[in-house]
Amino acid sequence: MFVALWEYEVKPGGEERFENAYGPDGDWVQLFRKDSHYYETRLVRDAFRRGVYLTMDFWESRGAYEEFMAVHRAEYEAIDARGEELTVEERRIGWFEMVAE
């Protein structure tokens, strides 16, 4: 299994819109669900820093994720551009692969 982790600092007042866009029925999940190798996205909020979130995108493999990204680049970039309106900062924490399941 492969997990892509991202951290976001959301603009004050934009939290609800961000949660809708990045949550379990949001734009990203709708896009990723087009691929059978996608499992799920989890959205978590920092308990101590207001407006800070993490997304965890779970895929069958890194190769499946990279192939999806190549095929759906334009759609990805369009959603990403809309997300930039809601955030102060976006940071890729890393790409991780399961050691054992």
C-alpha atoms as a PDB file:
ATOM      1  CA  MET A   1       0.000   0.000   0.000  1.00  0.00           C
ATOM      2  CA  PHE A   2       1.087   3.556  -0.774  1.00  0.00           C
ATOM      3  CA  VAL A   3       0.135   6.710   1.138  1.00  0.00           C
ATOM      4  CA  ALA A   4       0.600  10.310  -0.030  1.00  0.00           C
ATOM      5  CA  LEU A   5       0.633  12.770   2.896  1.00  0.00           C
ATOM      6  CA  TRP A   6      -0.067  16.483   2.518  1.00  0.00           C
ATOM      7  CA  GLU A   7      -0.274  19.280   5.087  1.00  0.00           C
ATOM      8  CA  TYR A   8      -2.395  22.398   4.584  1.00  0.00           C
ATOM      9  CA  GLU A   9      -2.714  25.673   6.419  1.00  0.00           C
ATOM     10  CA  VAL A  10      -6.190  26.976   5.652  1.00  0.00           C
ATOM     11  CA  LYS A  11      -7.045  30.662   5.458  1.00  0.00           C
ATOM     12  CA  PRO A  12      -9.082  31.841   8.467  1.00  0.00           C
ATOM     13  CA  GLY A  13     -12.778  31.441   7.779  1.00  0.00           C
ATOM     14  CA  GLY A  14     -12.214  28.889   5.018  1.00  0.00           C
ATOM     15  CA  GLU A  15     -12.208  25.790   7.191  1.00  0.00           C
ATOM     16  CA  GLU A  16     -15.694  24.569   6.314  1.00  0.00           C
ATOM     17  CA  ARG A  17     -15.164  25.001   2.570  1.00  0.00           C
ATOM     18  CA  PHE A  18     -11.803  23.253   2.851  1.00  0.00           C
ATOM     19  CA  GLU A  19     -13.285  20.333   4.780  1.00  0.00           C
ATOM     20  CA  ASN A  20     -16.013  19.957   2.150  1.00  0.00           C
ATOM     21  CA  ALA A  21     -13.519  20.005  -0.718  1.00  0.00           C
ATOM     22  CA  TYR A  22     -10.913  17.733   0.873  1.00  0.00           C
ATOM     23  CA  GLY A  23     -13.192  15.479   2.941  1.00  0.00           C
ATOM     24  CA  PRO A  24     -14.661  12.048   2.167  1.00  0.00           C
ATOM     25  CA  ASP A  25     -17.125  13.328  -0.473  1.00  0.00           C
ATOM     26  CA  GLY A  26     -15.030  16.218  -1.759  1.00  0.00           C
ATOM     27  CA  ASP A  27     -13.525  17.071  -5.110  1.00  0.00           C
ATOM     28  CA  TRP A  28     -10.348  15.070  -4.577  1.00  0.00           C
ATOM     29  CA  VAL A  29     -12.141  11.891  -3.601  1.00  0.00           C
ATOM     30  CA  GLN A  30     -14.500  12.237  -6.561  1.00  0.00           C
ATOM     31  CA  LEU A  31     -11.485  12.457  -8.871  1.00  0.00           C
ATOM     32  CA  PHE A  32      -9.523   9.639  -7.245  1.00  0.00           C
ATOM     33  CA  ARG A  33     -12.533   7.299  -7.273  1.00  0.00           C
ATOM     34  CA  LYS A  34     -12.186   7.110 -11.050  1.00  0.00           C
ATOM     35  CA  ASP A  35      -9.344   4.646 -10.444  1.00  0.00           C
ATOM     36  CA  SER A  36      -9.866   1.156  -9.034  1.00  0.00           C
ATOM     37  CA  HIS A  37      -6.412   1.261  -7.392  1.00  0.00           C
ATOM     38  CA  TYR A  38      -7.455   4.127  -5.107  1.00  0.00           C
ATOM     39  CA  TYR A  39      -8.625   3.083  -1.630  1.00  0.00           C
ATOM     40  CA  GLU A  40      -9.546   6.166   0.391  1.00  0.00           C
ATOM     41  CA  THR A  41      -8.604   9.635   1.595  1.00  0.00           C
ATOM     42  CA  ARG A  42      -8.559  10.567   5.247  1.00  0.00           C
ATOM     43  CA  LEU A  43      -8.715  14.184   6.376  1.00  0.00           C
ATOM     44  CA  VAL A  44      -7.558  15.074   9.890  1.00  0.00           C
ATOM     45  CA  ARG A  45      -7.438  18.421  11.681  1.00  0.00           C
ATOM     46  CA  ASP A  46      -4.581  19.455  13.983  1.00  0.00           C
ATOM     47  CA  ALA A  47      -5.795  19.476  17.583  1.00  0.00           C
ATOM     48  CA  PHE A  48      -3.530  22.358  18.587  1.00  0.00           C
ATOM     49  CA  ARG A  49      -2.996  24.524  15.496  1.00  0.00           C
ATOM     50  CA  ARG A  50      -6.181  26.084  14.141  1.00  0.00           C
ATOM     51  CA  GLY A  51      -6.610  25.719  10.407  1.00  0.00           C
ATOM     52  CA  VAL A  52      -3.935  23.038   9.954  1.00  0.00           C
ATOM     53  CA  TYR A  53      -4.969  19.778   8.270  1.00  0.00           C
ATOM     54  CA  LEU A  54      -3.426  16.604   6.887  1.00  0.00           C
ATOM     55  CA  THR A  55      -4.719  14.496   4.039  1.00  0.00           C
ATOM     56  CA  MET A  56      -3.737  10.859   3.646  1.00  0.00           C
ATOM     57  CA  ASP A  57      -4.433   9.386   0.216  1.00  0.00           C
ATOM     58  CA  PHE A  58      -4.296   5.577   0.205  1.00  0.00           C
ATOM     59  CA  TRP A  59      -3.494   3.755  -3.033  1.00  0.00           C
ATOM     60  CA  GLU A  60      -2.696   0.178  -3.978  1.00  0.00           C
ATOM     61  CA  SER A  61       0.854   1.149  -4.987  1.00  0.00           C
ATOM     62  CA  ARG A  62       3.050   4.105  -5.826  1.00  0.00           C
ATOM     63  CA  GLY A  63       3.004   3.025  -9.448  1.00  0.00           C
ATOM     64  CA  ALA A  64      -0.801   3.124  -9.532  1.00  0.00           C
ATOM     65  CA  TYR A  65      -0.749   6.617  -8.007  1.00  0.00           C
ATOM     66  CA  GLU A  66       1.847   7.886 -10.470  1.00  0.00           C
ATOM     67  CA  GLU A  67      -0.008   6.387 -13.447  1.00  0.00           C
ATOM     68  CA  PHE A  68      -3.251   7.980 -12.289  1.00  0.00           C
ATOM     69  CA  MET A  69      -1.514  11.337 -11.917  1.00  0.00           C
ATOM     70  CA  ALA A  70      -0.097  11.139 -15.443  1.00  0.00           C
ATOM     71  CA  VAL A  71      -3.479  10.351 -16.980  1.00  0.00           C
ATOM     72  CA  HIS A  72      -5.498  12.850 -14.919  1.00  0.00           C
ATOM     73  CA  ARG A  73      -2.963  15.703 -14.680  1.00  0.00           C
ATOM     74  CA  ALA A  74      -5.284  18.397 -16.082  1.00  0.00           C
ATOM     75  CA  GLU A  75      -8.172  17.495 -13.750  1.00  0.00           C
ATOM     76  CA  TYR A  76      -5.772  17.353 -10.804  1.00  0.00           C
ATOM     77  CA  GLU A  77      -4.342  20.774 -11.581  1.00  0.00           C
ATOM     78  CA  ALA A  78      -7.821  22.317 -11.912  1.00  0.00           C
ATOM     79  CA  ILE A  79      -8.867  21.053  -8.462  1.00  0.00           C
ATOM     80  CA  ASP A  80      -5.510  22.076  -7.011  1.00  0.00           C
ATOM     81  CA  ALA A  81      -5.960  25.629  -8.336  1.00  0.00           C
ATOM     82  CA  ARG A  82      -9.354  25.892  -6.606  1.00  0.00           C
ATOM     83  CA  GLY A  83      -7.787  24.594  -3.393  1.00  0.00           C
ATOM     84  CA  GLU A  84      -5.094  27.257  -3.485  1.00  0.00           C
ATOM     85  CA  GLU A  85      -7.816  29.856  -2.959  1.00  0.00           C
ATOM     86  CA  LEU A  86      -8.539  28.271   0.439  1.00  0.00           C
ATOM     87  CA  THR A  87      -5.005  27.805   1.734  1.00  0.00           C
ATOM     88  CA  VAL A  88      -2.090  29.873   2.961  1.00  0.00           C
ATOM     89  CA  GLU A  89       0.326  27.009   2.473  1.00  0.00           C
ATOM     90  CA  GLU A  90       0.385  23.474   1.097  1.00  0.00           C
ATOM     91  CA  ARG A  91       3.253  21.087   1.778  1.00  0.00           C
ATOM     92  CA  ARG A  92       3.895  17.553   0.627  1.00  0.00           C
ATOM     93  CA  ILE A  93       5.051  15.718   3.726  1.00  0.00           C
ATOM     94  CA  GLY A  94       6.015  12.635   1.803  1.00  0.00           C
ATOM     95  CA  TRP A  95       5.157   9.486  -0.057  1.00  0.00           C
ATOM     96  CA  PHE A  96       5.138   6.382   2.075  1.00  0.00           C
ATOM     97  CA  GLU A  97       4.936   2.668   1.377  1.00  0.00           C
ATOM     98  CA  MET A  98       3.731   0.069   3.851  1.00  0.00           C
ATOM     99  CA  VAL A  99       6.473  -2.063   5.366  1.00  0.00           C
ATOM    100  CA  ALA A 100       4.066  -4.900   6.187  1.00  0.00           C
ATOM    101  CA  GLU A 101       0.314  -5.282   6.139  1.00  0.00           C
END
